[in-house]
Protein backbone atom coordinates (compact mmCIF):
# COMPACT_ATOMS: atom_id res chain seq x y z
CA MET A 1 -11.76 -29.01 -89.71
CA SER A 2 -10.58 -25.57 -88.59
CA SER A 3 -6.84 -25.17 -88.16
CA ALA A 4 -7.24 -22.17 -85.87
CA THR A 5 -5.64 -22.40 -82.46
CA PRO A 6 -8.35 -22.86 -79.81
CA PRO A 7 -8.63 -20.00 -77.31
CA ALA A 8 -6.81 -20.45 -74.04
CA ARG A 9 -8.99 -21.64 -71.17
CA ARG A 10 -9.90 -18.76 -68.91
CA SER A 11 -9.55 -18.89 -65.14
CA VAL A 12 -12.87 -19.14 -63.33
CA VAL A 13 -13.72 -17.18 -60.19
CA ALA A 14 -17.05 -17.80 -58.50
CA VAL A 15 -18.58 -14.90 -56.56
CA GLU A 16 -21.62 -15.73 -54.46
CA GLN A 17 -23.83 -13.46 -52.38
CA VAL A 18 -24.49 -14.66 -48.83
CA ARG A 19 -28.08 -14.24 -47.78
CA SER A 20 -29.61 -16.24 -44.93
CA ASP A 21 -27.90 -19.57 -45.72
CA LEU A 22 -24.12 -19.39 -45.51
CA ARG A 23 -23.58 -23.05 -46.34
CA ALA A 24 -25.68 -22.72 -49.50
CA ALA A 25 -23.46 -19.84 -50.64
CA VAL A 26 -20.30 -21.85 -49.95
CA ARG A 27 -21.73 -24.85 -51.82
CA ALA A 28 -22.72 -22.70 -54.80
CA ALA A 29 -19.26 -21.09 -54.98
CA LEU A 30 -17.50 -24.46 -54.78
CA ASN A 31 -19.66 -25.94 -57.52
CA ALA A 32 -19.28 -22.91 -59.78
CA ALA A 33 -15.50 -23.21 -59.43
CA ASP A 34 -15.60 -26.93 -60.37
CA TRP A 35 -13.91 -27.94 -57.12
CA LYS A 36 -14.25 -31.68 -57.67
CA ASP A 37 -11.92 -31.42 -60.67
CA VAL A 38 -9.00 -30.68 -58.33
CA ILE A 39 -9.86 -32.77 -55.26
CA PRO A 40 -10.03 -36.50 -56.01
CA GLN A 41 -12.16 -38.85 -53.94
CA GLY A 42 -10.33 -39.88 -50.78
CA ALA A 43 -7.68 -37.17 -50.96
CA THR A 44 -5.96 -35.74 -47.89
CA VAL A 45 -6.83 -32.04 -47.78
CA ALA A 46 -5.18 -29.33 -45.68
CA LEU A 47 -7.36 -26.27 -45.00
CA LYS A 48 -5.06 -23.26 -44.49
CA VAL A 49 -7.05 -20.81 -42.39
CA ASN A 50 -5.99 -17.31 -41.37
CA LEU A 51 -5.50 -17.21 -37.59
CA GLY A 52 -2.87 -14.52 -37.55
CA TRP A 53 -4.06 -12.62 -34.47
CA ASP A 54 -4.88 -13.97 -31.03
CA LEU A 55 -6.61 -10.69 -30.02
CA PHE A 56 -8.73 -10.88 -33.14
CA ILE A 57 -11.77 -8.90 -34.17
CA PRO A 58 -14.40 -10.10 -36.68
CA GLY A 59 -13.01 -9.83 -40.19
CA SER A 60 -9.39 -10.27 -39.16
CA ILE A 61 -9.41 -14.09 -39.15
CA THR A 62 -11.17 -16.88 -41.04
CA SER A 63 -14.59 -17.20 -39.45
CA PRO A 64 -15.54 -20.53 -37.86
CA ALA A 65 -18.87 -20.53 -39.70
CA VAL A 66 -17.18 -20.37 -43.12
CA LEU A 67 -14.70 -23.09 -42.15
CA GLU A 68 -17.54 -25.29 -40.92
CA ALA A 69 -19.58 -24.81 -44.10
CA LEU A 70 -16.54 -25.59 -46.26
CA ALA A 71 -15.60 -28.69 -44.24
CA LEU A 72 -19.14 -30.04 -44.40
CA GLU A 73 -19.07 -29.79 -48.19
CA LEU A 74 -15.63 -31.41 -48.48
CA LYS A 75 -16.04 -34.20 -45.92
CA PRO A 76 -18.01 -36.65 -48.12
CA ARG A 77 -15.22 -36.51 -50.73
CA ALA A 78 -12.02 -35.99 -48.76
CA GLY A 79 -10.38 -38.92 -47.00
CA ARG A 80 -8.73 -36.73 -44.34
CA LEU A 81 -9.38 -33.08 -43.50
CA VAL A 82 -6.72 -31.15 -41.59
CA VAL A 83 -6.93 -27.52 -40.46
CA ILE A 84 -3.50 -25.86 -40.52
CA GLU A 85 -1.82 -22.62 -39.45
CA ALA A 86 1.54 -21.63 -37.95
CA ASP A 87 2.74 -19.40 -35.13
CA GLN A 88 3.82 -15.83 -35.70
CA VAL A 89 6.60 -14.16 -33.79
CA LEU A 90 4.01 -11.87 -32.16
CA GLU A 91 0.99 -14.19 -31.95
CA ASN A 92 0.05 -17.38 -30.11
CA ILE A 93 -1.75 -19.40 -32.76
CA GLU A 94 -2.88 -22.08 -30.32
CA ARG A 95 -4.63 -19.36 -28.36
CA ALA A 96 -6.21 -17.96 -31.52
CA TYR A 97 -7.33 -21.46 -32.49
CA ARG A 98 -9.15 -21.93 -29.19
CA ARG A 99 -10.61 -18.46 -28.82
CA SER A 100 -11.77 -18.07 -32.40
CA GLY A 101 -14.26 -20.92 -32.26
CA ILE A 102 -12.32 -22.95 -34.84
CA ALA A 103 -11.32 -25.45 -32.16
CA ALA A 104 -15.01 -26.04 -31.51
CA VAL A 105 -15.61 -26.63 -35.24
CA CYS A 106 -12.78 -29.17 -35.36
CA ARG A 107 -14.21 -31.05 -32.35
CA ARG A 108 -17.71 -31.01 -33.77
CA LEU A 109 -16.73 -32.28 -37.23
CA GLY A 110 -13.81 -34.52 -36.25
CA LEU A 111 -11.24 -32.41 -38.13
CA GLU A 112 -7.54 -32.65 -37.32
CA TRP A 113 -5.63 -29.56 -36.22
CA ILE A 114 -1.95 -29.04 -36.98
CA ASN A 115 0.14 -26.08 -35.86
CA MET A 116 2.83 -26.28 -38.52
CA THR A 117 5.37 -24.66 -36.20
CA ARG A 118 5.29 -27.92 -34.23
CA GLU A 119 5.15 -30.16 -37.32
CA PRO A 120 8.23 -32.09 -38.51
CA THR A 121 9.79 -30.36 -41.52
CA THR A 122 12.08 -31.33 -44.35
CA PRO A 123 14.60 -28.75 -45.61
CA ARG A 124 14.16 -28.28 -49.36
CA GLU A 125 16.12 -26.21 -51.84
CA PHE A 126 14.41 -24.21 -54.59
CA PRO A 127 17.16 -22.76 -56.79
CA ASP A 128 14.71 -21.10 -59.19
CA ASN A 129 13.20 -19.01 -56.39
CA ARG A 130 14.39 -15.42 -56.09
CA ILE A 131 14.21 -14.95 -52.32
CA LEU A 132 13.22 -18.20 -50.62
CA LYS A 133 15.97 -20.46 -51.88
CA LYS A 134 15.55 -22.82 -48.94
CA ILE A 135 12.29 -23.64 -47.17
CA ALA A 136 11.62 -25.99 -44.27
CA VAL A 137 8.55 -27.77 -45.65
CA PRO A 138 6.08 -29.02 -43.03
CA ARG A 139 5.23 -32.69 -43.44
CA ILE A 140 1.51 -32.06 -43.86
CA LEU A 141 2.19 -29.92 -46.95
CA GLU A 142 4.03 -32.82 -48.55
CA GLU A 143 1.14 -35.17 -47.84
CA ALA A 144 -1.95 -33.07 -48.56
CA LEU A 145 -3.65 -31.03 -51.24
CA LEU A 146 -3.68 -27.41 -50.09
CA VAL A 147 -6.97 -25.52 -49.92
CA THR A 148 -6.47 -21.95 -48.77
CA VAL A 149 -9.23 -20.18 -46.82
CA PRO A 150 -8.31 -16.48 -46.64
CA VAL A 151 -10.31 -13.45 -45.52
CA MET A 152 -11.20 -10.37 -47.58
CA LYS A 153 -8.92 -7.77 -45.98
CA THR A 154 -6.87 -4.69 -46.66
CA HIS A 155 -3.19 -4.85 -45.76
CA ALA A 156 -0.75 -2.03 -45.01
CA LYS A 157 2.19 -3.79 -46.68
CA THR A 158 0.51 -5.51 -49.65
CA THR A 159 -2.64 -3.35 -50.22
CA LEU A 160 -4.79 -6.44 -49.74
CA THR A 161 -4.35 -9.93 -48.35
CA GLY A 162 -6.09 -12.83 -49.98
CA ALA A 163 -5.51 -16.24 -51.51
CA LEU A 164 -1.81 -15.60 -52.24
CA LYS A 165 -0.83 -13.86 -49.00
CA ASN A 166 -2.57 -16.54 -46.92
CA GLN A 167 0.30 -18.95 -47.67
CA TRP A 168 2.58 -16.64 -45.64
CA GLY A 169 1.64 -18.81 -42.67
CA CYS A 170 3.33 -21.80 -44.32
CA LEU A 171 6.73 -20.29 -43.51
CA PRO A 172 8.55 -20.58 -40.16
CA THR A 173 7.90 -18.12 -37.34
CA MET A 174 10.55 -15.55 -38.34
CA ARG A 175 8.97 -14.87 -41.73
CA HIS A 176 8.70 -11.15 -40.89
CA GLU A 177 12.32 -10.90 -42.06
CA TYR A 178 11.03 -10.89 -45.66
CA HIS A 179 8.68 -7.92 -45.24
CA LEU A 180 10.73 -5.68 -47.55
CA VAL A 181 10.73 -8.21 -50.41
CA LEU A 182 7.15 -9.42 -50.22
CA ASP A 183 6.34 -9.46 -53.94
CA ASP A 184 9.07 -11.94 -54.86
CA ALA A 185 8.76 -13.83 -51.57
CA LEU A 186 5.03 -14.38 -52.13
CA ALA A 187 5.68 -15.56 -55.68
CA ASP A 188 8.36 -17.97 -54.43
CA LEU A 189 6.05 -19.23 -51.73
CA ASN A 190 3.09 -19.83 -54.00
CA GLN A 191 5.22 -21.64 -56.53
CA VAL A 192 6.18 -24.06 -53.78
CA PHE A 193 2.81 -24.19 -51.96
CA ARG A 194 0.36 -23.43 -54.74
CA PRO A 195 -3.17 -24.13 -53.49
CA VAL A 196 -5.33 -26.37 -55.64
CA LEU A 197 -8.35 -24.39 -54.48
CA ALA A 198 -9.03 -21.09 -52.73
CA LEU A 199 -12.26 -20.27 -50.93
CA MET A 200 -12.38 -16.71 -49.61
CA ASP A 201 -14.30 -15.72 -46.53
CA GLY A 202 -15.88 -12.46 -47.64
CA THR A 203 -18.70 -12.60 -45.13
CA ILE A 204 -17.10 -10.05 -42.81
CA GLY A 205 -14.11 -8.34 -44.36
CA LEU A 206 -11.67 -5.89 -42.83
CA GLU A 207 -11.11 -2.39 -44.18
CA GLY A 208 -8.79 0.37 -43.11
CA ASN A 209 -5.58 -0.43 -41.29
CA GLY A 210 -5.47 -4.16 -41.95
CA PRO A 211 -4.55 -6.87 -41.49
CA LYS A 212 -5.33 -6.36 -37.79
CA SER A 213 -6.38 -2.93 -36.57
CA GLY A 214 -8.95 -2.18 -39.24
CA ARG A 215 -12.73 -2.11 -39.12
CA PRO A 216 -15.05 -5.07 -39.73
CA ARG A 217 -17.00 -4.63 -42.95
CA ILE A 218 -20.06 -6.72 -43.76
CA ALA A 219 -19.41 -7.83 -47.35
CA ASP A 220 -21.73 -10.88 -47.67
CA LYS A 221 -19.53 -12.61 -50.25
CA ILE A 222 -17.93 -16.00 -50.83
CA LEU A 223 -15.31 -16.27 -53.58
CA CYS A 224 -13.84 -19.49 -54.94
CA SER A 225 -11.30 -20.40 -57.63
CA THR A 226 -8.60 -22.85 -58.58
CA ASP A 227 -6.49 -19.81 -59.59
CA PRO A 228 -5.36 -17.77 -56.55
CA VAL A 229 -4.11 -14.86 -58.68
CA ALA A 230 -7.42 -14.56 -60.49
CA LEU A 231 -9.32 -14.76 -57.21
CA ASP A 232 -7.27 -11.95 -55.65
CA THR A 233 -7.74 -9.87 -58.80
CA ILE A 234 -11.52 -10.16 -58.51
CA GLN A 235 -11.25 -9.56 -54.76
CA ALA A 236 -9.47 -6.27 -55.47
CA ILE A 237 -12.18 -5.14 -57.89
CA LEU A 238 -14.92 -6.03 -55.41
CA MET A 239 -13.12 -4.04 -52.72
CA GLY A 240 -12.94 -1.02 -55.03
CA LEU A 241 -9.17 -1.30 -55.46
CA ASP A 242 -7.19 -1.25 -58.68
CA PRO A 243 -5.60 -4.71 -59.12
CA LYS A 244 -2.53 -2.96 -60.55
CA SER A 245 -1.95 -1.37 -57.14
CA VAL A 246 -1.51 -4.88 -55.68
CA THR A 247 1.98 -5.37 -57.03
CA HIS A 248 2.44 -8.99 -56.00
CA LEU A 249 -0.41 -9.97 -58.34
CA ALA A 250 1.64 -9.04 -61.41
CA THR A 251 4.73 -10.71 -59.95
CA CYS A 252 2.85 -13.96 -59.31
CA SER A 253 1.19 -13.82 -62.73
CA ALA A 254 4.55 -13.35 -64.46
CA ARG A 255 5.83 -16.42 -62.62
CA GLY A 256 2.95 -18.53 -64.03
CA ILE A 257 0.99 -18.96 -60.79
CA GLY A 258 -2.24 -17.56 -62.25
CA VAL A 259 -3.73 -14.75 -64.31
CA THR A 260 -4.47 -11.16 -63.39
CA ASP A 261 -5.67 -9.99 -66.82
CA ARG A 262 -9.39 -9.33 -66.36
CA ALA A 263 -10.13 -10.49 -69.92
CA SER A 264 -8.70 -13.90 -69.00
CA ILE A 265 -10.96 -14.32 -65.96
CA GLU A 266 -14.48 -15.70 -66.20
CA VAL A 267 -16.63 -14.63 -63.26
CA ARG A 268 -19.50 -16.93 -62.39
CA GLY A 269 -22.08 -15.25 -60.22
CA ILE A 270 -21.96 -11.62 -59.17
CA GLU A 271 -20.13 -9.26 -61.53
CA PRO A 272 -17.50 -7.44 -59.46
CA GLU A 273 -17.42 -4.22 -61.49
CA SER A 274 -21.08 -3.47 -60.77
CA ASN A 275 -20.94 -4.55 -57.12
CA THR A 276 -17.91 -2.76 -55.71
CA LEU A 277 -17.80 -2.28 -51.95
CA ASP A 278 -15.32 0.63 -51.76
CA PHE A 279 -13.25 -0.66 -48.85
CA ALA A 280 -11.25 2.04 -47.05
CA PRO A 281 -7.58 1.47 -47.94
CA ALA A 282 -4.98 0.44 -45.40
CA ARG A 283 -2.38 2.68 -43.84
CA HIS A 284 0.39 1.57 -41.52
CA ASN A 285 -0.61 1.50 -37.87
CA ALA A 286 2.04 2.42 -35.28
CA VAL A 287 3.51 -1.10 -35.13
CA SER A 288 3.74 -1.52 -38.90
CA ALA A 289 5.10 2.00 -39.45
CA VAL A 290 7.86 1.65 -36.87
CA GLU A 291 8.82 -1.82 -38.12
CA THR A 292 9.03 -0.64 -41.74
CA LEU A 293 11.05 2.44 -40.78
CA LEU A 294 13.55 0.40 -38.74
CA ARG A 295 13.92 -2.25 -41.45
CA ARG A 296 14.84 0.44 -43.98
CA SER A 297 17.34 2.17 -41.70
CA TRP A 298 20.88 1.48 -40.53
CA LEU A 299 19.34 0.52 -37.17
CA LYS A 300 17.91 -2.67 -38.61
CA ARG A 301 20.53 -5.01 -37.16
CA LEU A 302 20.39 -3.36 -33.76
CA PHE A 303 16.63 -3.84 -33.37
CA PHE A 304 16.08 -7.14 -35.17
CA ASN A 305 19.27 -9.08 -34.47
CA THR A 306 19.92 -8.30 -30.81
CA PRO A 307 18.00 -8.80 -27.52
CA LEU A 308 16.29 -5.46 -28.27
CA PHE A 309 14.01 -7.44 -30.55
CA ARG A 310 12.27 -8.92 -27.50
CA ALA A 311 11.55 -5.40 -26.24
CA CYS A 312 10.12 -4.51 -29.66
CA LEU A 313 7.77 -7.49 -29.47
CA LEU A 314 6.59 -6.50 -26.00
CA GLY A 315 5.94 -2.96 -27.21
CA ALA A 316 4.00 -4.19 -30.23
CA LYS A 317 1.89 -6.52 -28.12
CA ALA A 318 1.17 -3.71 -25.65
CA TYR A 319 -0.02 -1.57 -28.56
CA TYR A 320 -2.46 -4.24 -29.72
CA TYR A 321 -3.74 -4.84 -26.20
CA ALA A 322 -4.40 -1.11 -25.84
CA TRP A 323 -5.99 -0.87 -29.29
CA THR A 324 -8.22 -3.86 -28.54
CA TRP A 325 -9.25 -2.46 -25.15
CA LEU A 326 -10.19 0.90 -26.73
CA ARG A 327 -11.77 -0.21 -30.00
CA ALA A 328 -12.79 -3.85 -30.17
CA GLY A 329 -15.78 -3.89 -27.83
CA ALA A 330 -18.00 -1.77 -30.07
CA MET A 331 -16.98 -3.79 -33.14
CA TRP A 332 -17.86 -7.07 -31.45
CA ALA A 333 -21.20 -5.70 -30.26
CA ARG A 334 -22.17 -4.66 -33.80
CA ILE A 335 -21.23 -8.00 -35.38
CA ARG A 336 -22.90 -10.04 -32.64
CA ARG A 337 -26.22 -8.43 -33.56
CA HIS A 338 -25.94 -9.72 -37.13
CA PRO A 339 -28.52 -12.50 -37.68
CA VAL A 340 -26.28 -14.68 -39.87
CA TYR A 341 -22.75 -13.98 -38.59
CA GLY A 342 -23.36 -13.15 -34.95
CA PRO A 343 -24.34 -16.62 -33.66
CA GLN A 344 -20.96 -18.19 -34.57
CA TRP A 345 -19.45 -16.24 -31.67
CA SER A 346 -21.88 -17.04 -28.90
CA SER A 347 -19.68 -16.37 -25.88
CA ASP A 348 -18.70 -13.00 -24.50
CA TRP A 349 -15.57 -11.68 -26.19
CA PRO A 350 -12.69 -12.24 -25.65
CA GLY A 351 -12.95 -15.59 -23.83
CA LEU A 352 -14.60 -17.43 -26.70
CA GLU A 353 -12.94 -20.79 -26.28
CA GLY A 354 -10.85 -20.29 -23.19
CA SER A 355 -7.36 -18.85 -23.07
């Protein structure tokens, strides 16, 4: 018998190409990532979607078609399926839920919907965390296994947003206060709310000035892994970005949340290095640039801790209304012509599911 130490088990990331059958791609990615190993029969499962913009464009939120395909695969095994998200200080998540088409998916499949802002919470202390020493934990996250369903997007503050950043919506509404310490805050957050599984919606990504005012990018990919750090590492490579430029990946890896070393990641399916998509990187739009500037200046308390904050929110919302009015129509028209992704948004934008 050999006395050599067996090699460490590598993290697996499945990367599937979407062709004409989206559900088949989701099923193949789930199976390649061995999803049944982490979701026992009869488990309560919370699906954390990205609904972080109520004036959304394709690629900025989790698509209803991907959520539906995922839920259909999980339903025979899960005892209870709950779709979750939380309000932002600038966004009405209930409105995004209705207009996105995700409300229609929940009705069709009998899924529960929970806005975690309205969910009872329990204050918990996490002394080993660096930033988030206390977190109000929503009840559903104490009851359920967390499956995160992010979108393939660039992000002005974190280079990209993926399986790790998607847990940002598990914090209370005023989470923007941690924007200058995102690396450690994301590591804290994912140590508390580590997903057992991540399935990334890479059907329509977002490039350029994400996570909102970018451009939809047809990427035709589904990614899946039980390691959110490994998944985001492969996401970065697919997007044509250097994983080392995504600084929260190294922070999360050092905290034991997952691996970012490419040699420790087994890709099942499409090899990312030979299939890069060269996403345009994100820059700060006007809202993000002004917010970052104010947070770093002596004016921070004046604008964020006084009634002036309400005026800032109104200005930011006005910016996004104007941007949407000027830019979104052409983007919607292009995506609606797509034979696979267009039909999920059958109504005329923006009144998809009522307001």
